[in-house]
Amino acid sequence: MNLVEILALFAAMAALAEVVGSFFLILRYLAGAYLIWFGISLMRSKASLELADSGRSASKLSASFFSGLFLTLGDVKAIFFYAIFFRSAKIEVSGGPLYSQ
C-alpha cells in the first residue's frame, strides 16, 4: 500500500465513524453490560469439572489436530490474516526467488 491508499482508507474510516458513531457507542455499552453480566453469572455458578481419561491414543490426537486445522481454515478472520500476510510477502510462484517488500 502506498501513502495515498492509506490516507484514503483513514478518510473513509473517519467518514464511516461519523455516520454510525452513535450506533457503535451504544453497541459498546451493550457489549460491556453483557460481559459484566456474564462475569457475575460465572462467579455465582457452582464449578463442576469432570476430568476425562488422560490416556490419549494416536487416533484421538490426529482427530484433534485435523478438527483444529479445519476450524482454522474455515475461520474468516484467519483467512483474511493469511491473505494479507502472503500479499505483503509478495511470494513469486513462477520458480523465481522469494523476496519481500
PDB file of N, CA and C in Angstrom:
ATOM      1  N   MET A   1       0.846  -1.184   0.000  1.00  0.00           N
ATOM      2  CA  MET A   1       0.000   0.000   0.000  1.00  0.00           C
ATOM      3  C   MET A   1       0.883   1.236   0.000  1.00  0.00           C
ATOM      4  N   ASN A   2       0.457   2.205  -0.737  1.00  0.00           N
ATOM      5  CA  ASN A   2       1.214   3.438  -0.709  1.00  0.00           C
ATOM      6  C   ASN A   2       0.513   4.448   0.196  1.00  0.00           C
ATOM      7  N   LEU A   3       1.111   5.596   0.342  1.00  0.00           N
ATOM      8  CA  LEU A   3       0.612   6.606   1.272  1.00  0.00           C
ATOM      9  C   LEU A   3      -0.762   7.127   0.866  1.00  0.00           C
ATOM     10  N   VAL A   4      -1.023   7.247  -0.420  1.00  0.00           N
ATOM     11  CA  VAL A   4      -2.319   7.746  -0.894  1.00  0.00           C
ATOM     12  C   VAL A   4      -3.437   6.781  -0.517  1.00  0.00           C
ATOM     13  N   GLU A   5      -3.196   5.480  -0.678  1.00  0.00           N
ATOM     14  CA  GLU A   5      -4.212   4.491  -0.317  1.00  0.00           C
ATOM     15  C   GLU A   5      -4.474   4.490   1.185  1.00  0.00           C
ATOM     16  N   ILE A   6      -3.439   4.626   1.975  1.00  0.00           N
ATOM     17  CA  ILE A   6      -3.605   4.650   3.435  1.00  0.00           C
ATOM     18  C   ILE A   6      -4.385   5.881   3.870  1.00  0.00           C
ATOM     19  N   LEU A   7      -4.078   7.046   3.286  1.00  0.00           N
ATOM     20  CA  LEU A   7      -4.818   8.261   3.628  1.00  0.00           C
ATOM     21  C   LEU A   7      -6.279   8.156   3.203  1.00  0.00           C
ATOM     22  N   ALA A   8      -6.536   7.552   2.041  1.00  0.00           N
ATOM     23  CA  ALA A   8      -7.919   7.351   1.601  1.00  0.00           C
ATOM     24  C   ALA A   8      -8.652   6.402   2.536  1.00  0.00           C
ATOM     25  N   LEU A   9      -7.953   5.372   3.002  1.00  0.00           N
ATOM     26  CA  LEU A   9      -8.562   4.432   3.938  1.00  0.00           C
ATOM     27  C   LEU A   9      -8.906   5.116   5.254  1.00  0.00           C
ATOM     28  N   PHE A  10      -8.004   5.941   5.769  1.00  0.00           N
ATOM     29  CA  PHE A  10      -8.282   6.669   7.008  1.00  0.00           C
ATOM     30  C   PHE A  10      -9.443   7.646   6.837  1.00  0.00           C
ATOM     31  N   ALA A  11      -9.519   8.314   5.686  1.00  0.00           N
ATOM     32  CA  ALA A  11     -10.624   9.235   5.429  1.00  0.00           C
ATOM     33  C   ALA A  11     -11.951   8.485   5.368  1.00  0.00           C
ATOM     34  N   ALA A  12     -11.959   7.322   4.726  1.00  0.00           N
ATOM     35  CA  ALA A  12     -13.191   6.523   4.644  1.00  0.00           C
ATOM     36  C   ALA A  12     -13.610   6.025   6.019  1.00  0.00           C
ATOM     37  N   MET A  13     -12.637   5.600   6.820  1.00  0.00           N
ATOM     38  CA  MET A  13     -12.973   5.131   8.172  1.00  0.00           C
ATOM     39  C   MET A  13     -13.492   6.272   9.037  1.00  0.00           C
ATOM     40  N   ALA A  14     -12.936   7.478   8.886  1.00  0.00           N
ATOM     41  CA  ALA A  14     -13.417   8.627   9.645  1.00  0.00           C
ATOM     42  C   ALA A  14     -14.841   8.990   9.235  1.00  0.00           C
ATOM     43  N   ALA A  15     -15.123   8.932   7.933  1.00  0.00           N
ATOM     44  CA  ALA A  15     -16.481   9.218   7.466  1.00  0.00           C
ATOM     45  C   ALA A  15     -17.472   8.183   7.974  1.00  0.00           C
ATOM     46  N   LEU A  16     -17.065   6.924   7.978  1.00  0.00           N
ATOM     47  CA  LEU A  16     -17.936   5.868   8.491  1.00  0.00           C
ATOM     48  C   LEU A  16     -18.182   6.043   9.981  1.00  0.00           C
ATOM     49  N   ALA A  17     -17.158   6.427  10.725  1.00  0.00           N
ATOM     50  CA  ALA A  17     -17.321   6.647  12.164  1.00  0.00           C
ATOM     51  C   ALA A  17     -18.260   7.819  12.441  1.00  0.00           C
ATOM     52  N   GLU A  18     -18.238   8.847  11.583  1.00  0.00           N
ATOM     53  CA  GLU A  18     -19.157   9.975  11.750  1.00  0.00           C
ATOM     54  C   GLU A  18     -20.602   9.556  11.525  1.00  0.00           C
ATOM     55  N   VAL A  19     -20.813   8.696  10.546  1.00  0.00           N
ATOM     56  CA  VAL A  19     -22.177   8.302  10.188  1.00  0.00           C
ATOM     57  C   VAL A  19     -22.762   7.361  11.227  1.00  0.00           C
ATOM     58  N   VAL A  20     -22.018   6.356  11.638  1.00  0.00           N
ATOM     59  CA  VAL A  20     -22.563   5.339  12.539  1.00  0.00           C
ATOM     60  C   VAL A  20     -21.887   5.352  13.903  1.00  0.00           C
ATOM     61  N   GLY A  21     -21.330   6.494  14.289  1.00  0.00           N
ATOM     62  CA  GLY A  21     -20.604   6.588  15.554  1.00  0.00           C
ATOM     63  C   GLY A  21     -21.474   6.324  16.777  1.00  0.00           C
ATOM     64  N   SER A  22     -22.690   6.869  16.798  1.00  0.00           N
ATOM     65  CA  SER A  22     -23.553   6.680  17.960  1.00  0.00           C
ATOM     66  C   SER A  22     -24.008   5.231  18.085  1.00  0.00           C
ATOM     67  N   PHE A  23     -24.190   4.558  16.959  1.00  0.00           N
ATOM     68  CA  PHE A  23     -24.562   3.143  16.993  1.00  0.00           C
ATOM     69  C   PHE A  23     -23.467   2.316  17.663  1.00  0.00           C
ATOM     70  N   PHE A  24     -22.199   2.597  17.314  1.00  0.00           N
ATOM     71  CA  PHE A  24     -21.099   1.853  17.905  1.00  0.00           C
ATOM     72  C   PHE A  24     -20.926   2.177  19.382  1.00  0.00           C
ATOM     73  N   LEU A  25     -21.249   3.380  19.786  1.00  0.00           N
ATOM     74  CA  LEU A  25     -21.193   3.724  21.205  1.00  0.00           C
ATOM     75  C   LEU A  25     -22.229   2.915  21.984  1.00  0.00           C
ATOM     76  N   ILE A  26     -23.432   2.832  21.457  1.00  0.00           N
ATOM     77  CA  ILE A  26     -24.481   2.036  22.106  1.00  0.00           C
ATOM     78  C   ILE A  26     -24.093   0.563  22.106  1.00  0.00           C
ATOM     79  N   LEU A  27     -23.568   0.091  20.990  1.00  0.00           N
ATOM     80  CA  LEU A  27     -23.131  -1.303  20.902  1.00  0.00           C
ATOM     81  C   LEU A  27     -22.022  -1.600  21.902  1.00  0.00           C
ATOM     82  N   ARG A  28     -21.109  -0.670  22.095  1.00  0.00           N
ATOM     83  CA  ARG A  28     -20.015  -0.880  23.052  1.00  0.00           C
ATOM     84  C   ARG A  28     -20.550  -0.966  24.486  1.00  0.00           C
ATOM     85  N   TYR A  29     -21.512  -0.102  24.831  1.00  0.00           N
ATOM     86  CA  TYR A  29     -22.090  -0.174  26.177  1.00  0.00           C
ATOM     87  C   TYR A  29     -22.879  -1.460  26.390  1.00  0.00           C
ATOM     88  N   LEU A  30     -23.601  -1.898  25.364  1.00  0.00           N
ATOM     89  CA  LEU A  30     -24.332  -3.161  25.482  1.00  0.00           C
ATOM     90  C   LEU A  30     -23.374  -4.345  25.627  1.00  0.00           C
ATOM     91  N   ALA A  31     -22.279  -4.329  24.878  1.00  0.00           N
ATOM     92  CA  ALA A  31     -21.292  -5.404  24.998  1.00  0.00           C
ATOM     93  C   ALA A  31     -20.643  -5.398  26.373  1.00  0.00           C
ATOM     94  N   GLY A  32     -20.357  -4.225  26.918  1.00  0.00           N
ATOM     95  CA  GLY A  32     -19.788  -4.134  28.265  1.00  0.00           C
ATOM     96  C   GLY A  32     -20.758  -4.655  29.317  1.00  0.00           C
ATOM     97  N   ALA A  33     -22.048  -4.300  29.184  1.00  0.00           N
ATOM     98  CA  ALA A  33     -23.051  -4.791  30.128  1.00  0.00           C
ATOM     99  C   ALA A  33     -23.176  -6.313  30.040  1.00  0.00           C
ATOM    100  N   TYR A  34     -23.117  -6.850  28.835  1.00  0.00           N
ATOM    101  CA  TYR A  34     -23.182  -8.302  28.669  1.00  0.00           C
ATOM    102  C   TYR A  34     -21.985  -8.978  29.341  1.00  0.00           C
ATOM    103  N   LEU A  35     -20.796  -8.422  29.160  1.00  0.00           N
ATOM    104  CA  LEU A  35     -19.614  -9.021  29.781  1.00  0.00           C
ATOM    105  C   LEU A  35     -19.681  -8.957  31.308  1.00  0.00           C
ATOM    106  N   ILE A  36     -20.198  -7.867  31.842  1.00  0.00           N
ATOM    107  CA  ILE A  36     -20.364  -7.770  33.298  1.00  0.00           C
ATOM    108  C   ILE A  36     -21.368  -8.813  33.774  1.00  0.00           C
ATOM    109  N   TRP A  37     -22.499  -8.934  33.089  1.00  0.00           N
ATOM    110  CA  TRP A  37     -23.497  -9.936  33.465  1.00  0.00           C
ATOM    111  C   TRP A  37     -22.916 -11.338  33.370  1.00  0.00           C
ATOM    112  N   PHE A  38     -22.164 -11.612  32.313  1.00  0.00           N
ATOM    113  CA  PHE A  38     -21.569 -12.927  32.125  1.00  0.00           C
ATOM    114  C   PHE A  38     -20.568 -13.239  33.230  1.00  0.00           C
ATOM    115  N   GLY A  39     -19.751 -12.255  33.617  1.00  0.00           N
ATOM    116  CA  GLY A  39     -18.786 -12.456  34.696  1.00  0.00           C
ATOM    117  C   GLY A  39     -19.460 -12.723  36.026  1.00  0.00           C
ATOM    118  N   ILE A  40     -20.511 -11.984  36.323  1.00  0.00           N
ATOM    119  CA  ILE A  40     -21.242 -12.195  37.580  1.00  0.00           C
ATOM    120  C   ILE A  40     -21.904 -13.566  37.582  1.00  0.00           C
ATOM    121  N   SER A  41     -22.488 -13.975  36.462  1.00  0.00           N
ATOM    122  CA  SER A  41     -23.121 -15.298  36.413  1.00  0.00           C
ATOM    123  C   SER A  41     -22.085 -16.409  36.538  1.00  0.00           C
ATOM    124  N   LEU A  42     -20.879 -16.205  36.023  1.00  0.00           N
ATOM    125  CA  LEU A  42     -19.828 -17.214  36.199  1.00  0.00           C
ATOM    126  C   LEU A  42     -19.379 -17.302  37.653  1.00  0.00           C
ATOM    127  N   MET A  43     -19.299 -16.164  38.320  1.00  0.00           N
ATOM    128  CA  MET A  43     -18.882 -16.186  39.730  1.00  0.00           C
ATOM    129  C   MET A  43     -19.949 -16.814  40.620  1.00  0.00           C
ATOM    130  N   ARG A  44     -21.209 -16.679  40.265  1.00  0.00           N
ATOM    131  CA  ARG A  44     -22.278 -17.225  41.095  1.00  0.00           C
ATOM    132  C   ARG A  44     -22.530 -18.710  40.836  1.00  0.00           C
ATOM    133  N   SER A  45     -22.091 -19.214  39.702  1.00  0.00           N
ATOM    134  CA  SER A  45     -22.358 -20.611  39.375  1.00  0.00           C
ATOM    135  C   SER A  45     -21.411 -21.518  40.152  1.00  0.00           C
ATOM    136  N   LYS A  46     -21.873 -22.732  40.375  1.00  0.00           N
ATOM    137  CA  LYS A  46     -21.032 -23.718  41.048  1.00  0.00           C
ATOM    138  C   LYS A  46     -20.164 -24.405  40.013  1.00  0.00           C
ATOM    139  N   ALA A  47     -18.920 -24.572  40.366  1.00  0.00           N
ATOM    140  CA  ALA A  47     -17.976 -25.186  39.436  1.00  0.00           C
ATOM    141  C   ALA A  47     -18.197 -26.689  39.397  1.00  0.00           C
ATOM    142  N   SER A  48     -18.264 -27.230  38.210  1.00  0.00           N
ATOM    143  CA  SER A  48     -18.356 -28.670  38.046  1.00  0.00           C
ATOM    144  C   SER A  48     -17.413 -29.056  36.908  1.00  0.00           C
ATOM    145  N   LEU A  49     -16.387 -29.767  37.289  1.00  0.00           N
ATOM    146  CA  LEU A  49     -15.383 -30.147  36.310  1.00  0.00           C
ATOM    147  C   LEU A  49     -15.191 -31.645  36.376  1.00  0.00           C
ATOM    148  N   GLU A  50     -15.423 -32.287  35.236  1.00  0.00           N
ATOM    149  CA  GLU A  50     -15.197 -33.714  35.162  1.00  0.00           C
ATOM    150  C   GLU A  50     -13.966 -33.953  34.318  1.00  0.00           C
ATOM    151  N   LEU A  51     -13.018 -34.674  34.871  1.00  0.00           N
ATOM    152  CA  LEU A  51     -11.783 -34.945  34.152  1.00  0.00           C
ATOM    153  C   LEU A  51     -11.976 -36.143  33.230  1.00  0.00           C
ATOM    154  N   ALA A  52     -11.533 -35.983  32.022  1.00  0.00           N
ATOM    155  CA  ALA A  52     -11.643 -37.069  31.044  1.00  0.00           C
ATOM    156  C   ALA A  52     -10.468 -38.023  31.226  1.00  0.00           C
ATOM    157  N   ASP A  53     -10.541 -39.137  30.567  1.00  0.00           N
ATOM    158  CA  ASP A  53      -9.467 -40.117  30.596  1.00  0.00           C
ATOM    159  C   ASP A  53      -8.216 -39.500  29.978  1.00  0.00           C
ATOM    160  N   SER A  54      -7.103 -39.562  30.701  1.00  0.00           N
ATOM    161  CA  SER A  54      -5.883 -38.914  30.219  1.00  0.00           C
ATOM    162  C   SER A  54      -5.107 -39.772  29.234  1.00  0.00           C
ATOM    163  N   GLY A  55      -5.486 -41.017  29.052  1.00  0.00           N
ATOM    164  CA  GLY A  55      -4.789 -41.884  28.103  1.00  0.00           C
ATOM    165  C   GLY A  55      -5.259 -41.610  26.691  1.00  0.00           C
ATOM    166  N   ARG A  56      -4.510 -40.783  25.977  1.00  0.00           N
ATOM    167  CA  ARG A  56      -4.912 -40.412  24.620  1.00  0.00           C
ATOM    168  C   ARG A  56      -4.240 -41.333  23.619  1.00  0.00           C
ATOM    169  N   SER A  57      -4.994 -41.770  22.694  1.00  0.00           N
ATOM    170  CA  SER A  57      -4.431 -42.611  21.643  1.00  0.00           C
ATOM    171  C   SER A  57      -4.027 -41.722  20.467  1.00  0.00           C
ATOM    172  N   ALA A  58      -3.292 -42.292  19.534  1.00  0.00           N
ATOM    173  CA  ALA A  58      -2.834 -41.539  18.374  1.00  0.00           C
ATOM    174  C   ALA A  58      -4.002 -41.112  17.492  1.00  0.00           C
ATOM    175  N   SER A  59      -5.045 -41.919  17.447  1.00  0.00           N
ATOM    176  CA  SER A  59      -6.183 -41.559  16.603  1.00  0.00           C
ATOM    177  C   SER A  59      -6.917 -40.355  17.166  1.00  0.00           C
ATOM    178  N   LYS A  60      -7.010 -40.254  18.493  1.00  0.00           N
ATOM    179  CA  LYS A  60      -7.659 -39.089  19.089  1.00  0.00           C
ATOM    180  C   LYS A  60      -6.826 -37.834  18.859  1.00  0.00           C
ATOM    181  N   LEU A  61      -5.502 -37.963  18.935  1.00  0.00           N
ATOM    182  CA  LEU A  61      -4.652 -36.806  18.707  1.00  0.00           C
ATOM    183  C   LEU A  61      -4.733 -36.334  17.261  1.00  0.00           C
ATOM    184  N   SER A  62      -4.742 -37.270  16.315  1.00  0.00           N
ATOM    185  CA  SER A  62      -4.841 -36.859  14.909  1.00  0.00           C
ATOM    186  C   SER A  62      -6.215 -36.262  14.619  1.00  0.00           C
ATOM    187  N   ALA A  63      -7.247 -36.808  15.244  1.00  0.00           N
ATOM    188  CA  ALA A  63      -8.583 -36.249  15.054  1.00  0.00           C
ATOM    189  C   ALA A  63      -8.655 -34.835  15.621  1.00  0.00           C
ATOM    190  N   SER A  64      -8.019 -34.610  16.776  1.00  0.00           N
ATOM    191  CA  SER A  64      -7.984 -33.266  17.350  1.00  0.00           C
ATOM    192  C   SER A  64      -7.209 -32.311  16.457  1.00  0.00           C
ATOM    193  N   PHE A  65      -6.092 -32.775  15.910  1.00  0.00           N
ATOM    194  CA  PHE A  65      -5.285 -31.936  15.031  1.00  0.00           C
ATOM    195  C   PHE A  65      -6.073 -31.516  13.797  1.00  0.00           C
ATOM    196  N   PHE A  66      -6.716 -32.488  13.144  1.00  0.00           N
ATOM    197  CA  PHE A  66      -7.425 -32.167  11.912  1.00  0.00           C
ATOM    198  C   PHE A  66      -8.677 -31.335  12.175  1.00  0.00           C
ATOM    199  N   SER A  67      -9.347 -31.562  13.299  1.00  0.00           N
ATOM    200  CA  SER A  67     -10.505 -30.713  13.589  1.00  0.00           C
ATOM    201  C   SER A  67     -10.065 -29.279  13.852  1.00  0.00           C
ATOM    202  N   GLY A  68      -8.937 -29.090  14.548  1.00  0.00           N
ATOM    203  CA  GLY A  68      -8.410 -27.746  14.748  1.00  0.00           C
ATOM    204  C   GLY A  68      -7.947 -27.106  13.461  1.00  0.00           C
ATOM    205  N   LEU A  69      -7.346 -27.899  12.586  1.00  0.00           N
ATOM    206  CA  LEU A  69      -6.881 -27.391  11.302  1.00  0.00           C
ATOM    207  C   LEU A  69      -8.059 -26.921  10.449  1.00  0.00           C
ATOM    208  N   PHE A  70      -9.101 -27.736  10.354  1.00  0.00           N
ATOM    209  CA  PHE A  70     -10.255 -27.358   9.544  1.00  0.00           C
ATOM    210  C   PHE A  70     -11.015 -26.185  10.150  1.00  0.00           C
ATOM    211  N   LEU A  71     -11.027 -26.091  11.472  1.00  0.00           N
ATOM    212  CA  LEU A  71     -11.667 -24.954  12.120  1.00  0.00           C
ATOM    213  C   LEU A  71     -10.920 -23.670  11.791  1.00  0.00           C
ATOM    214  N   THR A  72      -9.594 -23.716  11.822  1.00  0.00           N
ATOM    215  CA  THR A  72      -8.790 -22.544  11.498  1.00  0.00           C
ATOM    216  C   THR A  72      -8.914 -22.180  10.028  1.00  0.00           C
ATOM    217  N   LEU A  73      -8.915 -23.166   9.145  1.00  0.00           N
ATOM    218  CA  LEU A  73      -9.035 -22.883   7.717  1.00  0.00           C
ATOM    219  C   LEU A  73     -10.403 -22.316   7.349  1.00  0.00           C
ATOM    220  N   GLY A  74     -11.412 -22.628   8.135  1.00  0.00           N
ATOM    221  CA  GLY A  74     -12.741 -22.111   7.867  1.00  0.00           C
ATOM    222  C   GLY A  74     -13.029 -20.790   8.544  1.00  0.00           C
ATOM    223  N   ASP A  75     -12.110 -20.303   9.377  1.00  0.00           N
ATOM    224  CA  ASP A  75     -12.311 -19.048  10.094  1.00  0.00           C
ATOM    225  C   ASP A  75     -12.036 -17.881   9.156  1.00  0.00           C
ATOM    226  N   VAL A  76     -13.002 -16.992   9.026  1.00  0.00           N
ATOM    227  CA  VAL A  76     -12.882 -15.880   8.090  1.00  0.00           C
ATOM    228  C   VAL A  76     -11.747 -14.945   8.504  1.00  0.00           C
ATOM    229  N   LYS A  77     -11.607 -14.698   9.807  1.00  0.00           N
ATOM    230  CA  LYS A  77     -10.536 -13.812  10.258  1.00  0.00           C
ATOM    231  C   LYS A  77      -9.172 -14.400   9.947  1.00  0.00           C
ATOM    232  N   ALA A  78      -9.023 -15.708  10.100  1.00  0.00           N
ATOM    233  CA  ALA A  78      -7.753 -16.348   9.783  1.00  0.00           C
ATOM    234  C   ALA A  78      -7.477 -16.290   8.291  1.00  0.00           C
ATOM    235  N   ILE A  79      -8.510 -16.444   7.472  1.00  0.00           N
ATOM    236  CA  ILE A  79      -8.335 -16.364   6.027  1.00  0.00           C
ATOM    237  C   ILE A  79      -7.851 -14.971   5.639  1.00  0.00           C
ATOM    238  N   PHE A  80      -8.466 -13.912   6.210  1.00  0.00           N
ATOM    239  CA  PHE A  80      -8.030 -12.557   5.912  1.00  0.00           C
ATOM    240  C   PHE A  80      -6.609 -12.310   6.405  1.00  0.00           C
ATOM    241  N   PHE A  81      -6.275 -12.840   7.583  1.00  0.00           N
ATOM    242  CA  PHE A  81      -4.925 -12.661   8.107  1.00  0.00           C
ATOM    243  C   PHE A  81      -3.896 -13.271   7.178  1.00  0.00           C
ATOM    244  N   TYR A  82      -4.106 -14.517   6.773  1.00  0.00           N
ATOM    245  CA  TYR A  82      -3.140 -15.171   5.898  1.00  0.00           C
ATOM    246  C   TYR A  82      -3.107 -14.532   4.514  1.00  0.00           C
ATOM    247  N   ALA A  83      -4.250 -14.067   4.026  1.00  0.00           N
ATOM    248  CA  ALA A  83      -4.272 -13.399   2.719  1.00  0.00           C
ATOM    249  C   ALA A  83      -3.466 -12.108   2.765  1.00  0.00           C
ATOM    250  N   ILE A  84      -3.610 -11.349   3.830  1.00  0.00           N
ATOM    251  CA  ILE A  84      -2.839 -10.105   3.972  1.00  0.00           C
ATOM    252  C   ILE A  84      -1.373 -10.427   4.181  1.00  0.00           C
ATOM    253  N   PHE A  85      -1.094 -11.455   4.956  1.00  0.00           N
ATOM    254  CA  PHE A  85       0.286 -11.833   5.220  1.00  0.00           C
ATOM    255  C   PHE A  85       0.999 -12.244   3.939  1.00  0.00           C
ATOM    256  N   PHE A  86       0.373 -13.089   3.143  1.00  0.00           N
ATOM    257  CA  PHE A  86       1.003 -13.547   1.915  1.00  0.00           C
ATOM    258  C   PHE A  86       0.992 -12.470   0.843  1.00  0.00           C
ATOM    259  N   ARG A  87       0.032 -11.580   0.888  1.00  0.00           N
ATOM    260  CA  ARG A  87       0.002 -10.455  -0.057  1.00  0.00           C
ATOM    261  C   ARG A  87       1.182  -9.528   0.206  1.00  0.00           C
ATOM    262  N   SER A  88       1.475  -9.275   1.477  1.00  0.00           N
ATOM    263  CA  SER A  88       2.566  -8.364   1.799  1.00  0.00           C
ATOM    264  C   SER A  88       3.925  -9.011   1.559  1.00  0.00           C
ATOM    265  N   ALA A  89       3.995 -10.344   1.587  1.00  0.00           N
ATOM    266  CA  ALA A  89       5.267 -11.023   1.349  1.00  0.00           C
ATOM    267  C   ALA A  89       5.615 -11.048  -0.132  1.00  0.00           C
ATOM    268  N   LYS A  90       4.627 -10.917  -1.005  1.00  0.00           N
ATOM    269  CA  LYS A  90       4.811 -10.947  -2.461  1.00  0.00           C
ATOM    270  C   LYS A  90       5.642 -12.148  -2.888  1.00  0.00           C
ATOM    271  N   ILE A  91       5.123 -13.308  -2.606  1.00  0.00           N
ATOM    272  CA  ILE A  91       5.825 -14.541  -2.942  1.00  0.00           C
ATOM    273  C   ILE A  91       5.624 -14.838  -4.421  1.00  0.00           C
ATOM    274  N   GLU A  92       6.706 -15.021  -5.134  1.00  0.00           N
ATOM    275  CA  GLU A  92       6.641 -15.315  -6.552  1.00  0.00           C
ATOM    276  C   GLU A  92       6.611 -16.833  -6.731  1.00  0.00           C
ATOM    277  N   VAL A  93       5.583 -17.317  -7.412  1.00  0.00           N
ATOM    278  CA  VAL A  93       5.427 -18.760  -7.560  1.00  0.00           C
ATOM    279  C   VAL A  93       5.903 -19.285  -8.902  1.00  0.00           C
ATOM    280  N   SER A  94       6.500 -18.448  -9.720  1.00  0.00           N
ATOM    281  CA  SER A  94       6.926 -18.895 -11.034  1.00  0.00           C
ATOM    282  C   SER A  94       8.329 -19.485 -11.029  1.00  0.00           C
ATOM    283  N   GLY A  95       8.821 -19.888  -9.907  1.00  0.00           N
ATOM    284  CA  GLY A  95      10.144 -20.510  -9.825  1.00  0.00           C
ATOM    285  C   GLY A  95      11.241 -19.515  -9.534  1.00  0.00           C
ATOM    286  N   GLY A  96      10.903 -18.252  -9.426  1.00  0.00           N
ATOM    287  CA  GLY A  96      11.905 -17.223  -9.156  1.00  0.00           C
ATOM    288  C   GLY A  96      12.223 -17.149  -7.670  1.00  0.00           C
ATOM    289  N   PRO A  97      13.085 -16.235  -7.306  1.00  0.00           N
ATOM    290  CA  PRO A  97      13.463 -16.117  -5.896  1.00  0.00           C
ATOM    291  C   PRO A  97      12.331 -15.526  -5.055  1.00  0.00           C
ATOM    292  N   LEU A  98      12.351 -15.845  -3.791  1.00  0.00           N
ATOM    293  CA  LEU A  98      11.389 -15.273  -2.854  1.00  0.00           C
ATOM    294  C   LEU A  98      11.935 -13.940  -2.371  1.00  0.00           C
ATOM    295  N   TYR A  99      11.077 -12.974  -2.323  1.00  0.00           N
ATOM    296  CA  TYR A  99      11.529 -11.679  -1.833  1.00  0.00           C
ATOM    297  C   TYR A  99      10.374 -11.019  -1.107  1.00  0.00           C
ATOM    298  N   SER A 100      10.694 -10.079  -0.252  1.00  0.00           N
ATOM    299  CA  SER A 100       9.640  -9.329   0.438  1.00  0.00           C
ATOM    300  C   SER A 100       9.909  -7.853   0.252  1.00  0.00           C
ATOM    301  N   GLN A 101       8.872  -7.109   0.387  1.00  0.00           N
ATOM    302  CA  GLN A 101       8.989  -5.675   0.181  1.00  0.00           C
ATOM    303  C   GLN A 101       9.200  -4.989   1.485  1.00  0.00           C
TER     304      GLN A 101
END
